[in-house]
Amino acid sequence: MSAQLAAYSTSTGEAFQFWVLGTVAVAGALCTVFMRRAVHSALCLAGTMIILAVFYLANGAYFLGVVQIVVYTGAIMMLFLFVVMLVGVTAADSLKETIKGQRWLALVCGLGFGILLTAGVGNASLTEFAGLGQANANGNVEGLAALIFTKYVFAFEITGALLITAAVGAMVLTHRERTERAKTQRELAEERVRDGKHLPPLPAPGVYARHNAVDIAGLLPDGTPAELSVMQTLRQRGQIRDVSAEAISDLKALEQRSEDRLERTNSGPGSGSAGGSNSGEASK
């Protein structure tokens, strides 16, 4: 009787952990949806997945917790994050519908997922469960394997087939069949010369030795920023830092200090020679 009551009771530490981490997880999920930048959304989703892994570990599902961190958060989410950071996605791209009616389809899918989630939570709260002790009697991994390959084997195979279909579909959609002969390096160089494009290598970003960042344009000899020294993706996002005015003001201050130093240097020997001639005349 005591074991059954312990299975249904919740300690103060478990309640505190659930409400604190649950609030952070929901906030991360909402930020994933409402963030304007794709990189920030990916970071919020990674944080939510880490909190879910903590929930799995706290409930005794050690295998699921480790898989959640290693596979989903560590591999898939970091790969997605690096791809977004390298390729670059602007805020305007998320407002363009590539598939007609995808907003309504996403709304229907969201409602369906909400109904399934409500039904699952209601079923778990109304029915009795054995508890962690009986579920992990032979080990967490053994108990999970027994459920996947016996009771839920059909759902497991369907999920695997859907994932394989999604992977094949992604490769088919991203593959582009070449319909014409690829241009050689010589032909590309001749085309650049005919079009009058920038022939030498592009200038490096950063201003002299004080700045070495990709979001700061290099300065030309006249002090104006070089437009070709920064990425067009950063320019479209509005993430370029312009330090040309600061550099020009510093350059003017340096020139003024140099002129003052030259004036002092030139006036010093002249005054000394004049003083020497005067002293010589006085001695005569």
Protein backbone atom coordinates (compact mmCIF):
# COMPACT_ATOMS: atom_id res chain seq x y z
CA MET A 1 0.00 0.00 0.00
CA SER A 2 2.83 2.37 0.86
CA ALA A 3 4.58 1.64 -2.46
CA GLN A 4 1.37 2.44 -4.36
CA LEU A 5 0.95 5.72 -2.48
CA ALA A 6 4.59 6.61 -3.15
CA ALA A 7 4.01 6.05 -6.88
CA TYR A 8 1.15 8.57 -6.90
CA SER A 9 2.65 11.16 -4.53
CA THR A 10 4.96 14.01 -5.50
CA SER A 11 7.68 15.35 -3.25
CA THR A 12 8.44 19.03 -2.76
CA GLY A 13 11.68 18.79 -4.72
CA GLU A 14 9.96 17.15 -7.69
CA ALA A 15 7.20 19.78 -7.70
CA PHE A 16 9.73 22.62 -7.51
CA GLN A 17 11.78 21.11 -10.34
CA PHE A 18 8.71 20.61 -12.52
CA TRP A 19 7.30 24.12 -12.14
CA VAL A 20 10.64 25.88 -12.58
CA LEU A 21 11.95 23.85 -15.50
CA GLY A 22 8.48 23.53 -17.03
CA THR A 23 8.12 27.30 -17.09
CA VAL A 24 11.54 27.68 -18.74
CA ALA A 25 10.70 24.96 -21.29
CA VAL A 26 7.40 26.62 -22.25
CA ALA A 27 9.12 30.01 -22.51
CA GLY A 28 11.79 28.47 -24.78
CA ALA A 29 9.13 26.87 -26.96
CA LEU A 30 7.28 30.17 -27.33
CA CYS A 31 10.53 31.97 -28.15
CA THR A 32 11.21 29.33 -30.81
CA VAL A 33 7.98 30.28 -32.54
CA PHE A 34 8.01 34.05 -32.06
CA MET A 35 11.71 34.92 -32.42
CA ARG A 36 12.45 37.00 -35.52
CA ARG A 37 15.86 35.47 -36.22
CA ALA A 38 16.24 31.79 -37.09
CA VAL A 39 19.48 31.47 -35.09
CA HIS A 40 17.76 32.67 -31.90
CA SER A 41 14.86 30.26 -32.52
CA ALA A 42 17.30 27.36 -32.90
CA LEU A 43 19.04 28.27 -29.65
CA CYS A 44 15.72 28.44 -27.79
CA LEU A 45 14.69 25.06 -29.20
CA ALA A 46 18.02 23.55 -28.11
CA GLY A 47 17.44 24.86 -24.57
CA THR A 48 13.94 23.37 -24.50
CA MET A 49 15.31 19.98 -25.59
CA ILE A 50 17.91 20.05 -22.82
CA ILE A 51 15.18 20.70 -20.23
CA LEU A 52 13.18 17.78 -21.62
CA ALA A 53 16.25 15.60 -21.17
CA VAL A 54 16.40 16.69 -17.52
CA PHE A 55 12.76 15.65 -17.12
CA TYR A 56 13.53 12.23 -18.58
CA LEU A 57 16.47 11.75 -16.23
CA ALA A 58 14.42 12.87 -13.22
CA ASN A 59 11.69 10.34 -14.06
CA GLY A 60 14.13 7.45 -14.29
CA ALA A 61 14.23 7.26 -18.10
CA TYR A 62 18.01 7.44 -18.27
CA PHE A 63 18.33 6.07 -21.79
CA LEU A 64 15.84 8.59 -23.21
CA GLY A 65 17.54 11.43 -21.33
CA VAL A 66 20.97 10.58 -22.75
CA VAL A 67 19.56 10.10 -26.26
CA GLN A 68 17.74 13.44 -26.02
CA ILE A 69 21.00 15.24 -25.22
CA VAL A 70 23.39 13.34 -27.50
CA VAL A 71 21.21 12.80 -30.58
CA TYR A 72 18.66 15.62 -30.67
CA THR A 73 20.36 18.48 -28.85
CA GLY A 74 23.98 17.59 -29.53
CA ALA A 75 23.78 16.41 -33.13
CA ILE A 76 20.61 17.47 -34.92
CA MET A 77 20.05 20.87 -33.30
CA MET A 78 23.70 21.92 -33.44
CA LEU A 79 23.87 20.87 -37.10
CA PHE A 80 20.74 22.91 -37.82
CA LEU A 81 22.17 25.87 -35.91
CA PHE A 82 25.48 25.82 -37.79
CA VAL A 83 23.71 25.49 -41.15
CA VAL A 84 21.52 28.50 -40.35
CA MET A 85 24.51 30.55 -39.22
CA LEU A 86 26.58 29.68 -42.30
CA VAL A 87 23.87 29.93 -44.95
CA GLY A 88 22.10 32.91 -43.41
CA VAL A 89 18.32 33.33 -43.21
CA THR A 90 16.84 36.81 -43.15
CA ALA A 91 13.62 37.75 -41.38
CA ALA A 92 11.95 38.40 -44.73
CA ASP A 93 12.43 34.77 -45.80
CA SER A 94 10.07 33.50 -43.09
CA LEU A 95 7.23 35.68 -44.43
CA LYS A 96 7.24 34.09 -47.89
CA GLU A 97 4.99 31.07 -48.35
CA THR A 98 6.79 28.49 -50.47
CA ILE A 99 3.76 26.15 -50.36
CA LYS A 100 0.26 27.49 -50.97
CA GLY A 101 -1.92 27.17 -47.88
CA GLN A 102 0.90 26.11 -45.56
CA ARG A 103 -0.33 28.42 -42.79
CA TRP A 104 -3.74 26.73 -42.65
CA LEU A 105 -2.10 23.31 -42.90
CA ALA A 106 0.21 24.18 -40.00
CA LEU A 107 -2.81 25.37 -37.97
CA VAL A 108 -4.68 22.10 -38.59
CA CYS A 109 -1.60 20.05 -37.68
CA GLY A 110 -1.14 22.10 -34.52
CA LEU A 111 -4.75 21.53 -33.47
CA GLY A 112 -4.42 17.81 -34.15
CA PHE A 113 -1.23 17.61 -32.10
CA GLY A 114 -2.93 19.52 -29.27
CA ILE A 115 -5.84 17.03 -29.27
CA LEU A 116 -3.44 14.07 -29.18
CA LEU A 117 -1.44 15.65 -26.37
CA THR A 118 -4.59 16.35 -24.34
CA ALA A 119 -5.82 12.80 -24.86
CA GLY A 120 -2.46 11.36 -23.81
CA VAL A 121 -2.26 13.44 -20.66
CA GLY A 122 -5.89 12.61 -19.79
CA ASN A 123 -5.28 8.90 -20.30
CA ALA A 124 -2.19 9.00 -18.11
CA SER A 125 -4.01 10.84 -15.32
CA LEU A 126 -7.09 8.60 -15.31
CA THR A 127 -5.47 5.19 -15.60
CA GLU A 128 -3.25 3.50 -13.02
CA PHE A 129 0.44 2.96 -13.65
CA ALA A 130 2.89 0.54 -12.16
CA GLY A 131 5.56 3.06 -11.19
CA LEU A 132 9.25 3.38 -11.91
CA GLY A 133 10.27 0.47 -9.72
CA GLN A 134 8.28 -2.10 -11.69
CA ALA A 135 8.94 -0.48 -15.07
CA ASN A 136 12.72 -0.51 -14.52
CA ALA A 137 12.85 -3.82 -12.68
CA ASN A 138 15.18 -5.41 -15.24
CA GLY A 139 16.86 -2.15 -16.21
CA ASN A 140 15.70 0.97 -18.03
CA VAL A 141 17.13 -0.02 -21.42
CA GLU A 142 15.72 -3.56 -21.24
CA GLY A 143 12.26 -2.31 -20.27
CA LEU A 144 12.27 0.27 -23.07
CA ALA A 145 13.40 -2.31 -25.63
CA ALA A 146 10.70 -4.73 -24.52
CA LEU A 147 7.99 -2.11 -25.06
CA ILE A 148 9.32 -0.90 -28.41
CA PHE A 149 9.80 -4.33 -29.99
CA THR A 150 6.67 -6.01 -28.58
CA LYS A 151 3.75 -3.72 -27.72
CA TYR A 152 4.68 -0.73 -29.89
CA VAL A 153 6.59 -2.46 -32.67
CA PHE A 154 4.07 -1.42 -35.36
CA ALA A 155 4.21 2.26 -34.38
CA PHE A 156 8.01 2.04 -34.21
CA GLU A 157 8.28 0.62 -37.74
CA ILE A 158 5.83 3.23 -39.11
CA THR A 159 7.90 6.01 -37.52
CA GLY A 160 11.09 4.61 -39.06
CA ALA A 161 9.43 4.42 -42.49
CA LEU A 162 8.25 8.03 -42.19
CA LEU A 163 11.76 9.22 -41.26
CA ILE A 164 13.32 7.36 -44.19
CA THR A 165 10.67 8.80 -46.54
CA ALA A 166 11.36 12.30 -45.23
CA ALA A 167 15.13 11.87 -45.75
CA VAL A 168 14.66 10.59 -49.31
CA GLY A 169 12.18 13.40 -50.07
CA ALA A 170 14.62 16.02 -48.78
CA MET A 171 17.38 14.65 -51.02
CA VAL A 172 15.05 14.59 -54.02
CA LEU A 173 13.87 18.17 -53.44
CA THR A 174 17.37 19.54 -52.94
CA HIS A 175 18.89 17.69 -55.90
CA ARG A 176 19.19 19.78 -59.02
CA GLU A 177 19.74 18.06 -62.31
CA ARG A 178 22.30 19.81 -64.50
CA THR A 179 20.84 20.54 -67.93
CA GLU A 180 23.87 22.22 -69.48
CA ARG A 181 27.62 21.77 -69.54
CA ALA A 182 29.51 23.12 -66.57
CA LYS A 183 31.68 26.12 -67.39
CA THR A 184 35.42 25.78 -67.05
CA GLN A 185 37.60 28.08 -64.95
CA ARG A 186 38.84 29.86 -68.07
CA GLU A 187 35.31 30.51 -69.32
CA LEU A 188 34.26 31.88 -65.92
CA ALA A 189 37.28 34.20 -65.86
CA GLU A 190 36.55 35.46 -69.38
CA GLU A 191 32.92 36.06 -68.44
CA ARG A 192 33.97 38.12 -65.41
CA VAL A 193 36.25 40.24 -67.58
CA ARG A 194 33.51 40.83 -70.18
CA ASP A 195 30.95 41.78 -67.52
CA GLY A 196 33.39 44.18 -65.85
CA LYS A 197 33.11 42.56 -62.42
CA HIS A 198 35.60 42.84 -59.57
CA LEU A 199 38.59 40.86 -60.88
CA PRO A 200 41.09 40.79 -57.98
CA PRO A 201 40.29 39.10 -54.67
CA LEU A 202 37.81 40.87 -52.44
CA PRO A 203 39.24 43.04 -49.66
CA ALA A 204 39.34 41.63 -46.16
CA PRO A 205 36.98 42.99 -43.47
CA GLY A 206 38.21 44.88 -40.45
CA VAL A 207 39.77 48.31 -40.06
CA TYR A 208 43.56 48.29 -39.71
CA ALA A 209 44.77 46.45 -36.61
CA ARG A 210 42.10 47.69 -34.18
CA HIS A 211 39.16 45.75 -35.65
CA ASN A 212 39.24 42.21 -36.94
CA ALA A 213 35.56 41.34 -37.31
CA VAL A 214 33.49 40.26 -40.29
CA ASP A 215 30.77 42.82 -39.52
CA ILE A 216 33.10 45.84 -39.89
CA ALA A 217 33.90 47.06 -43.37
CA GLY A 218 37.50 47.77 -44.29
CA LEU A 219 38.47 51.36 -45.02
CA LEU A 220 39.76 52.66 -48.32
CA PRO A 221 42.69 55.13 -48.42
CA ASP A 222 40.28 58.08 -48.34
CA GLY A 223 38.59 56.77 -45.17
CA THR A 224 35.34 55.56 -46.77
CA PRO A 225 34.21 51.97 -46.06
CA ALA A 226 34.84 49.30 -48.71
CA GLU A 227 31.45 47.82 -49.64
CA LEU A 228 32.98 44.58 -50.98
CA SER A 229 34.77 43.74 -47.72
CA VAL A 230 31.63 42.53 -45.90
CA MET A 231 29.13 39.77 -46.67
CA GLN A 232 25.91 40.68 -48.43
CA THR A 233 23.98 38.54 -45.95
CA LEU A 234 25.14 40.69 -43.04
CA ARG A 235 24.35 43.83 -45.02
CA GLN A 236 20.77 42.67 -45.70
CA ARG A 237 20.30 41.87 -42.03
CA GLY A 238 21.51 45.33 -41.04
CA GLN A 239 24.32 43.93 -38.89
CA ILE A 240 27.16 46.02 -40.36
CA ARG A 241 29.00 48.28 -37.91
CA ASP A 242 30.21 51.48 -39.56
CA VAL A 243 33.33 52.86 -37.90
CA SER A 244 34.46 55.06 -40.80
CA ALA A 245 33.51 58.31 -39.03
CA GLU A 246 35.36 57.24 -35.88
CA ALA A 247 38.40 56.19 -37.92
CA ILE A 248 38.43 59.46 -39.86
CA SER A 249 38.20 61.53 -36.67
CA ASP A 250 41.03 59.51 -35.12
CA LEU A 251 43.06 59.97 -38.29
CA LYS A 252 42.52 63.74 -38.18
CA ALA A 253 43.55 63.83 -34.53
CA LEU A 254 46.68 61.84 -35.38
CA GLU A 255 47.53 64.26 -38.20
CA GLN A 256 47.03 67.23 -35.87
CA ARG A 257 49.33 65.71 -33.25
CA SER A 258 51.92 65.01 -35.95
CA GLU A 259 51.76 68.62 -37.19
CA ASP A 260 52.14 69.95 -33.63
CA ARG A 261 55.14 67.72 -33.05
CA LEU A 262 56.75 68.83 -36.33
CA GLU A 263 56.19 72.48 -35.42
CA ARG A 264 57.84 72.00 -32.05
CA THR A 265 60.72 70.15 -33.65
CA ASN A 266 61.28 72.85 -36.27
CA SER A 267 61.02 75.72 -33.81
CA GLY A 268 63.49 74.18 -31.35
CA PRO A 269 66.74 74.31 -33.42
CA GLY A 270 65.86 77.76 -34.83
CA SER A 271 65.45 79.30 -31.42
CA GLY A 272 68.69 77.71 -30.23
CA SER A 273 70.73 79.11 -33.13
CA ALA A 274 69.24 82.56 -32.64
CA GLY A 275 70.15 82.51 -28.95
CA GLY A 276 73.71 81.47 -29.80
CA SER A 277 74.21 84.32 -32.28
CA ASN A 278 72.92 86.88 -29.81
CA SER A 279 75.30 85.67 -27.11
CA GLY A 280 78.18 85.85 -29.56
CA GLU A 281 77.41 89.45 -30.48
CA ALA A 282 77.21 90.37 -26.82
CA SER A 283 80.64 88.91 -26.10
CA LYS A 284 82.13 90.91 -28.94
